[in-house]
């Protein structure tokens, strides 16, 4: 059994026991959250597809980690102008441990 959920402007395929990194969600490590934007649930040959989301469907997950990703360097330059800018960015993320899928 798996589901397609939408969070942080992206879509993810999840199953029970999976761990995935999503955009930052407010909460502490160990908190239980519910993802209500469930787009599709597949259980064997039975598939439920939402238009656009399924009513009464939710995915229950536990926050496993809050952190920052590796640094990405951003370098801008304009030739012959003496213009150079070097910046770094570390994106915040939340690691979720999927516990159950309710359809």
PDB file of N, CA and C in Angstrom:
ATOM      1  N   UNK A   1       0.842  -1.179   0.000  1.00  0.00           N
ATOM      2  CA  UNK A   1       0.000   0.000   0.000  1.00  0.00           C
ATOM      3  C   UNK A   1       0.885   1.240   0.000  1.00  0.00           C
ATOM      4  N   UNK A   2       0.579   2.173  -0.894  1.00  0.00           N
ATOM      5  CA  UNK A   2       1.318   3.422  -0.913  1.00  0.00           C
ATOM      6  C   UNK A   2       0.381   4.570  -1.254  1.00  0.00           C
ATOM      7  N   UNK A   3       0.883   5.787  -1.018  1.00  0.00           N
ATOM      8  CA  UNK A   3       0.077   6.977  -1.269  1.00  0.00           C
ATOM      9  C   UNK A   3       0.954   8.041  -1.914  1.00  0.00           C
ATOM     10  N   UNK A   4       0.310   8.946  -2.629  1.00  0.00           N
ATOM     11  CA  UNK A   4       0.971  10.124  -3.174  1.00  0.00           C
ATOM     12  C   UNK A   4       0.462  11.317  -2.363  1.00  0.00           C
ATOM     13  N   UNK A   5       1.396  12.028  -1.696  1.00  0.00           N
ATOM     14  CA  UNK A   5       1.019  13.177  -0.875  1.00  0.00           C
ATOM     15  C   UNK A   5       1.688  14.427  -1.411  1.00  0.00           C
ATOM     16  N   UNK A   6       1.086  15.583  -1.092  1.00  0.00           N
ATOM     17  CA  UNK A   6       1.626  16.861  -1.511  1.00  0.00           C
ATOM     18  C   UNK A   6       1.963  17.670  -0.265  1.00  0.00           C
ATOM     19  N   UNK A   7       3.220  18.122  -0.180  1.00  0.00           N
ATOM     20  CA  UNK A   7       3.636  18.992   0.912  1.00  0.00           C
ATOM     21  C   UNK A   7       4.801  19.842   0.437  1.00  0.00           C
ATOM     22  N   UNK A   8       4.820  21.082   0.839  1.00  0.00           N
ATOM     23  CA  UNK A   8       5.905  21.972   0.454  1.00  0.00           C
ATOM     24  C   UNK A   8       5.969  22.246  -1.036  1.00  0.00           C
ATOM     25  N   UNK A   9       4.831  22.129  -1.738  1.00  0.00           N
ATOM     26  CA  UNK A   9       4.805  22.385  -3.168  1.00  0.00           C
ATOM     27  C   UNK A   9       5.345  21.248  -4.012  1.00  0.00           C
ATOM     28  N   UNK A  10       5.612  20.104  -3.394  1.00  0.00           N
ATOM     29  CA  UNK A  10       6.127  18.940  -4.117  1.00  0.00           C
ATOM     30  C   UNK A  10       5.254  17.728  -3.815  1.00  0.00           C
ATOM     31  N   UNK A  11       5.361  16.704  -4.654  1.00  0.00           N
ATOM     32  CA  UNK A  11       4.602  15.473  -4.458  1.00  0.00           C
ATOM     33  C   UNK A  11       5.566  14.337  -4.158  1.00  0.00           C
ATOM     34  N   UNK A  12       5.172  13.465  -3.225  1.00  0.00           N
ATOM     35  CA  UNK A  12       6.017  12.355  -2.796  1.00  0.00           C
ATOM     36  C   UNK A  12       5.201  11.073  -2.767  1.00  0.00           C
ATOM     37  N   UNK A  13       5.853   9.964  -3.140  1.00  0.00           N
ATOM     38  CA  UNK A  13       5.243   8.649  -3.000  1.00  0.00           C
ATOM     39  C   UNK A  13       5.736   8.062  -1.689  1.00  0.00           C
ATOM     40  N   UNK A  14       4.809   7.694  -0.799  1.00  0.00           N
ATOM     41  CA  UNK A  14       5.177   7.199   0.525  1.00  0.00           C
ATOM     42  C   UNK A  14       4.485   5.878   0.803  1.00  0.00           C
ATOM     43  N   UNK A  15       5.142   5.060   1.612  1.00  0.00           N
ATOM     44  CA  UNK A  15       4.578   3.810   2.105  1.00  0.00           C
ATOM     45  C   UNK A  15       4.878   3.738   3.600  1.00  0.00           C
ATOM     46  N   UNK A  16       4.214   2.854   4.305  1.00  0.00           N
ATOM     47  CA  UNK A  16       4.434   2.721   5.741  1.00  0.00           C
ATOM     48  C   UNK A  16       5.885   2.328   6.003  1.00  0.00           C
ATOM     49  N   UNK A  17       6.518   3.018   6.945  1.00  0.00           N
ATOM     50  CA  UNK A  17       7.905   2.725   7.295  1.00  0.00           C
ATOM     51  C   UNK A  17       8.921   3.551   6.533  1.00  0.00           C
ATOM     52  N   UNK A  18       8.498   4.267   5.501  1.00  0.00           N
ATOM     53  CA  UNK A  18       9.431   5.094   4.728  1.00  0.00           C
ATOM     54  C   UNK A  18       9.885   6.302   5.536  1.00  0.00           C
ATOM     55  N   UNK A  19      11.080   6.783   5.217  1.00  0.00           N
ATOM     56  CA  UNK A  19      11.565   8.047   5.765  1.00  0.00           C
ATOM     57  C   UNK A  19      11.897   8.948   4.588  1.00  0.00           C
ATOM     58  N   UNK A  20      11.417  10.202   4.638  1.00  0.00           N
ATOM     59  CA  UNK A  20      11.693  11.108   3.543  1.00  0.00           C
ATOM     60  C   UNK A  20      11.942  12.510   4.078  1.00  0.00           C
ATOM     61  N   UNK A  21      12.691  13.277   3.293  1.00  0.00           N
ATOM     62  CA  UNK A  21      12.993  14.664   3.624  1.00  0.00           C
ATOM     63  C   UNK A  21      12.075  15.578   2.826  1.00  0.00           C
ATOM     64  N   UNK A  22      11.395  16.469   3.545  1.00  0.00           N
ATOM     65  CA  UNK A  22      10.487  17.418   2.906  1.00  0.00           C
ATOM     66  C   UNK A  22      10.906  18.825   3.321  1.00  0.00           C
ATOM     67  N   UNK A  23      10.261  19.829   2.704  1.00  0.00           N
ATOM     68  CA  UNK A  23      10.509  21.207   3.104  1.00  0.00           C
ATOM     69  C   UNK A  23      10.132  21.375   4.574  1.00  0.00           C
ATOM     70  N   UNK A  24      10.714  22.364   5.219  1.00  0.00           N
ATOM     71  CA  UNK A  24      10.553  22.577   6.661  1.00  0.00           C
ATOM     72  C   UNK A  24       9.089  22.621   7.082  1.00  0.00           C
ATOM     73  N   UNK A  25       8.762  21.820   8.111  1.00  0.00           N
ATOM     74  CA  UNK A  25       7.445  21.813   8.742  1.00  0.00           C
ATOM     75  C   UNK A  25       7.668  22.157  10.206  1.00  0.00           C
ATOM     76  N   UNK A  26       6.892  23.086  10.727  1.00  0.00           N
ATOM     77  CA  UNK A  26       7.046  23.468  12.126  1.00  0.00           C
ATOM     78  C   UNK A  26       6.675  22.308  13.050  1.00  0.00           C
ATOM     79  N   UNK A  27       7.481  22.107  14.081  1.00  0.00           N
ATOM     80  CA  UNK A  27       7.242  21.045  15.051  1.00  0.00           C
ATOM     81  C   UNK A  27       8.556  20.583  15.635  1.00  0.00           C
ATOM     82  N   UNK A  28       8.470  19.799  16.689  1.00  0.00           N
ATOM     83  CA  UNK A  28       9.657  19.273  17.358  1.00  0.00           C
ATOM     84  C   UNK A  28       9.861  17.815  16.983  1.00  0.00           C
ATOM     85  N   UNK A  29      11.086  17.333  17.190  1.00  0.00           N
ATOM     86  CA  UNK A  29      11.393  15.931  16.919  1.00  0.00           C
ATOM     87  C   UNK A  29      10.529  15.059  17.828  1.00  0.00           C
ATOM     88  N   UNK A  30       9.866  14.064  17.235  1.00  0.00           N
ATOM     89  CA  UNK A  30       8.985  13.182  17.988  1.00  0.00           C
ATOM     90  C   UNK A  30       7.517  13.540  17.868  1.00  0.00           C
ATOM     91  N   UNK A  31       7.203  14.730  17.345  1.00  0.00           N
ATOM     92  CA  UNK A  31       5.803  15.124  17.172  1.00  0.00           C
ATOM     93  C   UNK A  31       5.157  14.299  16.066  1.00  0.00           C
ATOM     94  N   UNK A  32       3.859  14.051  16.231  1.00  0.00           N
ATOM     95  CA  UNK A  32       3.083  13.341  15.219  1.00  0.00           C
ATOM     96  C   UNK A  32       2.327  14.381  14.396  1.00  0.00           C
ATOM     97  N   UNK A  33       2.446  14.291  13.077  1.00  0.00           N
ATOM     98  CA  UNK A  33       1.731  15.216  12.199  1.00  0.00           C
ATOM     99  C   UNK A  33       0.890  14.422  11.208  1.00  0.00           C
ATOM    100  N   UNK A  34      -0.124  15.081  10.665  1.00  0.00           N
ATOM    101  CA  UNK A  34      -0.986  14.465   9.661  1.00  0.00           C
ATOM    102  C   UNK A  34      -0.855  15.231   8.354  1.00  0.00           C
ATOM    103  N   UNK A  35      -0.614  14.518   7.280  1.00  0.00           N
ATOM    104  CA  UNK A  35      -0.575  15.106   5.939  1.00  0.00           C
ATOM    105  C   UNK A  35      -1.938  14.845   5.309  1.00  0.00           C
ATOM    106  N   UNK A  36      -2.702  15.924   5.103  1.00  0.00           N
ATOM    107  CA  UNK A  36      -4.072  15.777   4.613  1.00  0.00           C
ATOM    108  C   UNK A  36      -4.204  15.943   3.108  1.00  0.00           C
ATOM    109  N   UNK A  37      -3.162  16.445   2.433  1.00  0.00           N
ATOM    110  CA  UNK A  37      -3.202  16.582   0.974  1.00  0.00           C
ATOM    111  C   UNK A  37      -2.794  15.261   0.336  1.00  0.00           C
ATOM    112  N   UNK A  38      -3.688  14.281   0.376  1.00  0.00           N
ATOM    113  CA  UNK A  38      -3.432  12.962  -0.212  1.00  0.00           C
ATOM    114  C   UNK A  38      -4.063  12.952  -1.596  1.00  0.00           C
ATOM    115  N   UNK A  39      -3.224  12.773  -2.625  1.00  0.00           N
ATOM    116  CA  UNK A  39      -3.698  12.820  -4.002  1.00  0.00           C
ATOM    117  C   UNK A  39      -4.155  11.462  -4.515  1.00  0.00           C
ATOM    118  N   UNK A  40      -3.511  10.385  -4.018  1.00  0.00           N
ATOM    119  CA  UNK A  40      -3.852   9.050  -4.497  1.00  0.00           C
ATOM    120  C   UNK A  40      -3.450   8.017  -3.463  1.00  0.00           C
ATOM    121  N   UNK A  41      -4.244   6.956  -3.337  1.00  0.00           N
ATOM    122  CA  UNK A  41      -3.922   5.827  -2.468  1.00  0.00           C
ATOM    123  C   UNK A  41      -4.079   4.561  -3.294  1.00  0.00           C
ATOM    124  N   UNK A  42      -3.046   3.711  -3.285  1.00  0.00           N
ATOM    125  CA  UNK A  42      -3.074   2.449  -4.022  1.00  0.00           C
ATOM    126  C   UNK A  42      -2.891   1.313  -3.030  1.00  0.00           C
ATOM    127  N   UNK A  43      -3.853   0.382  -3.036  1.00  0.00           N
ATOM    128  CA  UNK A  43      -3.793  -0.791  -2.170  1.00  0.00           C
ATOM    129  C   UNK A  43      -3.992  -2.030  -3.045  1.00  0.00           C
ATOM    130  N   UNK A  44      -2.879  -2.608  -3.494  1.00  0.00           N
ATOM    131  CA  UNK A  44      -2.956  -3.758  -4.400  1.00  0.00           C
ATOM    132  C   UNK A  44      -3.493  -3.321  -5.749  1.00  0.00           C
ATOM    133  N   UNK A  45      -4.631  -3.906  -6.166  1.00  0.00           N
ATOM    134  CA  UNK A  45      -5.245  -3.540  -7.441  1.00  0.00           C
ATOM    135  C   UNK A  45      -6.243  -2.388  -7.290  1.00  0.00           C
ATOM    136  N   UNK A  46      -6.543  -2.020  -6.044  1.00  0.00           N
ATOM    137  CA  UNK A  46      -7.523  -0.970  -5.787  1.00  0.00           C
ATOM    138  C   UNK A  46      -6.817   0.377  -5.692  1.00  0.00           C
ATOM    139  N   UNK A  47      -7.162   1.319  -6.586  1.00  0.00           N
ATOM    140  CA  UNK A  47      -6.554   2.641  -6.587  1.00  0.00           C
ATOM    141  C   UNK A  47      -7.642   3.694  -6.426  1.00  0.00           C
ATOM    142  N   UNK A  48      -7.440   4.604  -5.479  1.00  0.00           N
ATOM    143  CA  UNK A  48      -8.354   5.719  -5.275  1.00  0.00           C
ATOM    144  C   UNK A  48      -7.625   6.986  -5.706  1.00  0.00           C
ATOM    145  N   UNK A  49      -8.209   7.718  -6.627  1.00  0.00           N
ATOM    146  CA  UNK A  49      -7.589   8.928  -7.157  1.00  0.00           C
ATOM    147  C   UNK A  49      -8.465  10.115  -6.791  1.00  0.00           C
ATOM    148  N   UNK A  50      -7.856  11.129  -6.202  1.00  0.00           N
ATOM    149  CA  UNK A  50      -8.597  12.311  -5.790  1.00  0.00           C
ATOM    150  C   UNK A  50      -8.722  13.317  -6.910  1.00  0.00           C
ATOM    151  N   UNK A  51      -9.723  14.200  -6.764  1.00  0.00           N
ATOM    152  CA  UNK A  51      -9.923  15.265  -7.740  1.00  0.00           C
ATOM    153  C   UNK A  51     -10.061  16.586  -7.014  1.00  0.00           C
ATOM    154  N   UNK A  52      -9.060  17.312  -6.607  1.00  0.00           N
ATOM    155  CA  UNK A  52      -7.641  16.977  -6.696  1.00  0.00           C
ATOM    156  C   UNK A  52      -7.131  16.165  -5.518  1.00  0.00           C
ATOM    157  N   UNK A  53      -7.832  16.217  -4.352  1.00  0.00           N
ATOM    158  CA  UNK A  53      -7.381  15.442  -3.191  1.00  0.00           C
ATOM    159  C   UNK A  53      -8.495  14.504  -2.750  1.00  0.00           C
ATOM    160  N   UNK A  54      -8.096  13.474  -2.008  1.00  0.00           N
ATOM    161  CA  UNK A  54      -9.065  12.531  -1.463  1.00  0.00           C
ATOM    162  C   UNK A  54      -9.637  13.081  -0.164  1.00  0.00           C
ATOM    163  N   UNK A  55     -10.949  13.044  -0.047  1.00  0.00           N
ATOM    164  CA  UNK A  55     -11.594  13.434   1.209  1.00  0.00           C
ATOM    165  C   UNK A  55     -11.390  12.301   2.222  1.00  0.00           C
ATOM    166  N   UNK A  56     -11.254  12.638   3.482  1.00  0.00           N
ATOM    167  CA  UNK A  56     -11.125  11.679   4.592  1.00  0.00           C
ATOM    168  C   UNK A  56      -9.884  10.808   4.514  1.00  0.00           C
ATOM    169  N   UNK A  57      -8.931  11.130   3.672  1.00  0.00           N
ATOM    170  CA  UNK A  57      -7.685  10.355   3.600  1.00  0.00           C
ATOM    171  C   UNK A  57      -6.578  11.168   4.258  1.00  0.00           C
ATOM    172  N   UNK A  58      -5.713  10.495   4.985  1.00  0.00           N
ATOM    173  CA  UNK A  58      -4.597  11.185   5.627  1.00  0.00           C
ATOM    174  C   UNK A  58      -3.442  10.224   5.798  1.00  0.00           C
ATOM    175  N   UNK A  59      -2.258  10.812   5.888  1.00  0.00           N
ATOM    176  CA  UNK A  59      -1.037  10.049   6.156  1.00  0.00           C
ATOM    177  C   UNK A  59      -0.489  10.550   7.484  1.00  0.00           C
ATOM    178  N   UNK A  60      -0.255   9.627   8.407  1.00  0.00           N
ATOM    179  CA  UNK A  60       0.258   9.976   9.733  1.00  0.00           C
ATOM    180  C   UNK A  60       1.759   9.735   9.735  1.00  0.00           C
ATOM    181  N   UNK A  61       2.509  10.760  10.172  1.00  0.00           N
ATOM    182  CA  UNK A  61       3.967  10.664  10.171  1.00  0.00           C
ATOM    183  C   UNK A  61       4.515  11.247  11.469  1.00  0.00           C
ATOM    184  N   UNK A  62       5.736  10.814  11.812  1.00  0.00           N
ATOM    185  CA  UNK A  62       6.421  11.325  12.994  1.00  0.00           C
ATOM    186  C   UNK A  62       7.642  12.101  12.532  1.00  0.00           C
ATOM    187  N   UNK A  63       7.899  13.250  13.149  1.00  0.00           N
ATOM    188  CA  UNK A  63       9.069  14.050  12.796  1.00  0.00           C
ATOM    189  C   UNK A  63      10.297  13.361  13.375  1.00  0.00           C
ATOM    190  N   UNK A  64      11.193  12.908  12.490  1.00  0.00           N
ATOM    191  CA  UNK A  64      12.394  12.195  12.913  1.00  0.00           C
ATOM    192  C   UNK A  64      13.577  13.137  13.082  1.00  0.00           C
ATOM    193  N   UNK A  65      13.603  14.231  12.317  1.00  0.00           N
ATOM    194  CA  UNK A  65      14.769  15.128  12.354  1.00  0.00           C
ATOM    195  C   UNK A  65      14.379  16.487  11.797  1.00  0.00           C
ATOM    196  N   UNK A  66      14.957  17.529  12.377  1.00  0.00           N
ATOM    197  CA  UNK A  66      14.872  18.885  11.837  1.00  0.00           C
ATOM    198  C   UNK A  66      16.308  19.307  11.564  1.00  0.00           C
ATOM    199  N   UNK A  67      16.604  19.789  10.385  1.00  0.00           N
ATOM    200  CA  UNK A  67      17.992  20.131  10.109  1.00  0.00           C
ATOM    201  C   UNK A  67      18.153  21.015   8.892  1.00  0.00           C
ATOM    202  N   UNK A  68      19.428  21.151   8.497  1.00  0.00           N
ATOM    203  CA  UNK A  68      19.784  21.925   7.314  1.00  0.00           C
ATOM    204  C   UNK A  68      20.527  21.017   6.347  1.00  0.00           C
ATOM    205  N   UNK A  69      20.276  21.218   5.063  1.00  0.00           N
ATOM    206  CA  UNK A  69      20.957  20.437   4.026  1.00  0.00           C
ATOM    207  C   UNK A  69      22.384  20.953   3.853  1.00  0.00           C
ATOM    208  N   UNK A  70      23.142  20.296   3.001  1.00  0.00           N
ATOM    209  CA  UNK A  70      24.502  20.739   2.716  1.00  0.00           C
ATOM    210  C   UNK A  70      24.482  22.097   2.034  1.00  0.00           C
ATOM    211  N   UNK A  71      25.580  22.823   2.175  1.00  0.00           N
ATOM    212  CA  UNK A  71      25.659  24.175   1.631  1.00  0.00           C
ATOM    213  C   UNK A  71      25.754  24.144   0.107  1.00  0.00           C
ATOM    214  N   UNK A  72      24.977  25.029  -0.509  1.00  0.00           N
ATOM    215  CA  UNK A  72      25.022  25.238  -1.949  1.00  0.00           C
ATOM    216  C   UNK A  72      25.635  26.612  -2.173  1.00  0.00           C
ATOM    217  N   UNK A  73      26.699  26.679  -2.984  1.00  0.00           N
ATOM    218  CA  UNK A  73      27.345  27.955  -3.265  1.00  0.00           C
ATOM    219  C   UNK A  73      26.676  28.633  -4.454  1.00  0.00           C
ATOM    220  N   UNK A  74      26.448  29.943  -4.308  1.00  0.00           N
ATOM    221  CA  UNK A  74      25.853  30.752  -5.368  1.00  0.00           C
ATOM    222  C   UNK A  74      26.890  31.812  -5.731  1.00  0.00           C
ATOM    223  N   UNK A  75      27.350  31.805  -6.983  1.00  0.00           N
ATOM    224  CA  UNK A  75      28.385  32.746  -7.414  1.00  0.00           C
ATOM    225  C   UNK A  75      27.877  33.517  -8.614  1.00  0.00           C
ATOM    226  N   UNK A  76      27.900  34.849  -8.501  1.00  0.00           N
ATOM    227  CA  UNK A  76      27.466  35.720  -9.598  1.00  0.00           C
ATOM    228  C   UNK A  76      28.664  36.539 -10.048  1.00  0.00           C
ATOM    229  N   UNK A  77      28.770  36.753 -11.356  1.00  0.00           N
ATOM    230  CA  UNK A  77      29.887  37.526 -11.897  1.00  0.00           C
ATOM    231  C   UNK A  77      29.449  38.184 -13.190  1.00  0.00           C
ATOM    232  N   UNK A  78      29.903  39.421 -13.380  1.00  0.00           N
ATOM    233  CA  UNK A  78      29.721  40.094 -14.662  1.00  0.00           C
ATOM    234  C   UNK A  78      31.118  40.411 -15.189  1.00  0.00           C
ATOM    235  N   UNK A  79      31.389  39.961 -16.373  1.00  0.00           N
ATOM    236  CA  UNK A  79      32.743  40.122 -16.897  1.00  0.00           C
ATOM    237  C   UNK A  79      33.078  41.581 -17.171  1.00  0.00           C
ATOM    238  N   UNK A  80      34.317  41.911 -16.928  1.00  0.00           N
ATOM    239  CA  UNK A  80      34.889  43.244 -17.168  1.00  0.00           C
ATOM    240  C   UNK A  80      34.241  44.352 -16.338  1.00  0.00           C
ATOM    241  N   UNK A  81      33.481  44.025 -15.326  1.00  0.00           N
ATOM    242  CA  UNK A  81      32.820  45.040 -14.524  1.00  0.00           C
ATOM    243  C   UNK A  81      33.346  45.077 -13.086  1.00  0.00           C
ATOM    244  N   UNK A  82      34.137  44.087 -12.699  1.00  0.00           N
ATOM    245  CA  UNK A  82      34.623  44.023 -11.327  1.00  0.00           C
ATOM    246  C   UNK A  82      33.528  43.626 -10.350  1.00  0.00           C
ATOM    247  N   UNK A  83      32.503  42.955 -10.854  1.00  0.00           N
ATOM    248  CA  UNK A  83      31.360  42.554 -10.021  1.00  0.00           C
ATOM    249  C   UNK A  83      31.426  41.063  -9.759  1.00  0.00           C
ATOM    250  N   UNK A  84      31.575  40.711  -8.481  1.00  0.00           N
ATOM    251  CA  UNK A  84      31.559  39.307  -8.067  1.00  0.00           C
ATOM    252  C   UNK A  84      30.842  39.217  -6.725  1.00  0.00           C
ATOM    253  N   UNK A  85      29.916  38.263  -6.623  1.00  0.00           N
ATOM    254  CA  UNK A  85      29.215  38.027  -5.361  1.00  0.00           C
ATOM    255  C   UNK A  85      29.230  36.528  -5.114  1.00  0.00           C
ATOM    256  N   UNK A  86      29.633  36.134  -3.912  1.00  0.00           N
ATOM    257  CA  UNK A  86      29.643  34.723  -3.538  1.00  0.00           C
ATOM    258  C   UNK A  86      28.794  34.552  -2.287  1.00  0.00           C
ATOM    259  N   UNK A  87      27.761  33.751  -2.403  1.00  0.00           N
ATOM    260  CA  UNK A  87      26.862  33.487  -1.283  1.00  0.00           C
ATOM    261  C   UNK A  87      26.727  31.987  -1.081  1.00  0.00           C
ATOM    262  N   UNK A  88      26.367  31.597   0.123  1.00  0.00           N
ATOM    263  CA  UNK A  88      26.060  30.207   0.429  1.00  0.00           C
ATOM    264  C   UNK A  88      24.640  30.105   0.952  1.00  0.00           C
ATOM    265  N   UNK A  89      24.022  28.951   0.745  1.00  0.00           N
ATOM    266  CA  UNK A  89      22.643  28.740   1.205  1.00  0.00           C
ATOM    267  C   UNK A  89      22.499  27.324   1.728  1.00  0.00           C
ATOM    268  N   UNK A  90      21.899  27.186   2.908  1.00  0.00           N
ATOM    269  CA  UNK A  90      21.580  25.876   3.464  1.00  0.00           C
ATOM    270  C   UNK A  90      20.078  25.802   3.670  1.00  0.00           C
ATOM    271  N   UNK A  91      19.426  24.932   2.919  1.00  0.00           N
ATOM    272  CA  UNK A  91      17.975  24.801   2.961  1.00  0.00           C
ATOM    273  C   UNK A  91      17.542  24.027   4.203  1.00  0.00           C
ATOM    274  N   UNK A  92      16.518  24.519   4.891  1.00  0.00           N
ATOM    275  CA  UNK A  92      15.959  23.821   6.042  1.00  0.00           C
ATOM    276  C   UNK A  92      15.105  22.655   5.566  1.00  0.00           C
ATOM    277  N   UNK A  93      15.143  21.528   6.304  1.00  0.00           N
ATOM    278  CA  UNK A  93      14.332  20.374   5.949  1.00  0.00           C
ATOM    279  C   UNK A  93      13.782  19.710   7.204  1.00  0.00           C
ATOM    280  N   UNK A  94      12.779  18.883   7.000  1.00  0.00           N
ATOM    281  CA  UNK A  94      12.198  18.050   8.044  1.00  0.00           C
ATOM    282  C   UNK A  94      12.198  16.619   7.537  1.00  0.00           C
ATOM    283  N   UNK A  95      12.761  15.704   8.320  1.00  0.00           N
ATOM    284  CA  UNK A  95      12.738  14.285   7.969  1.00  0.00           C
ATOM    285  C   UNK A  95      11.520  13.656   8.640  1.00  0.00           C
ATOM    286  N   UNK A  96      10.684  12.988   7.839  1.00  0.00           N
ATOM    287  CA  UNK A  96       9.459  12.362   8.340  1.00  0.00           C
ATOM    288  C   UNK A  96       9.572  10.858   8.284  1.00  0.00           C
ATOM    289  N   UNK A  97       9.078  10.192   9.323  1.00  0.00           N
ATOM    290  CA  UNK A  97       8.982   8.731   9.356  1.00  0.00           C
ATOM    291  C   UNK A  97       7.482   8.415   9.192  1.00  0.00           C
ATOM    292  N   UNK A  98       7.115   7.770   8.081  1.00  0.00           N
ATOM    293  CA  UNK A  98       5.714   7.492   7.788  1.00  0.00           C
ATOM    294  C   UNK A  98       5.251   6.328   8.671  1.00  0.00           C
ATOM    295  N   UNK A  99       4.141   6.535   9.404  1.00  0.00           N
ATOM    296  CA  UNK A  99       3.661   5.503  10.313  1.00  0.00           C
ATOM    297  C   UNK A  99       2.440   4.766   9.781  1.00  0.00           C
ATOM    298  N   UNK A 100       1.468   5.494   9.225  1.00  0.00           N
ATOM    299  CA  UNK A 100       0.298   4.795   8.685  1.00  0.00           C
ATOM    300  C   UNK A 100      -0.379   5.626   7.595  1.00  0.00           C
ATOM    301  N   UNK A 101      -1.119   4.916   6.760  1.00  0.00           N
ATOM    302  CA  UNK A 101      -1.885   5.555   5.684  1.00  0.00           C
ATOM    303  C   UNK A 101      -3.350   5.185   5.893  1.00  0.00           C
ATOM    304  N   UNK A 102      -4.187   6.200   6.078  1.00  0.00           N
ATOM    305  CA  UNK A 102      -5.628   5.985   6.265  1.00  0.00           C
ATOM    306  C   UNK A 102      -6.347   6.473   5.021  1.00  0.00           C
ATOM    307  N   UNK A 103      -7.087   5.578   4.376  1.00  0.00           N
ATOM    308  CA  UNK A 103      -7.799   5.958   3.164  1.00  0.00           C
ATOM    309  C   UNK A 103      -9.298   5.978   3.404  1.00  0.00           C
TER     310      UNK A 103
END
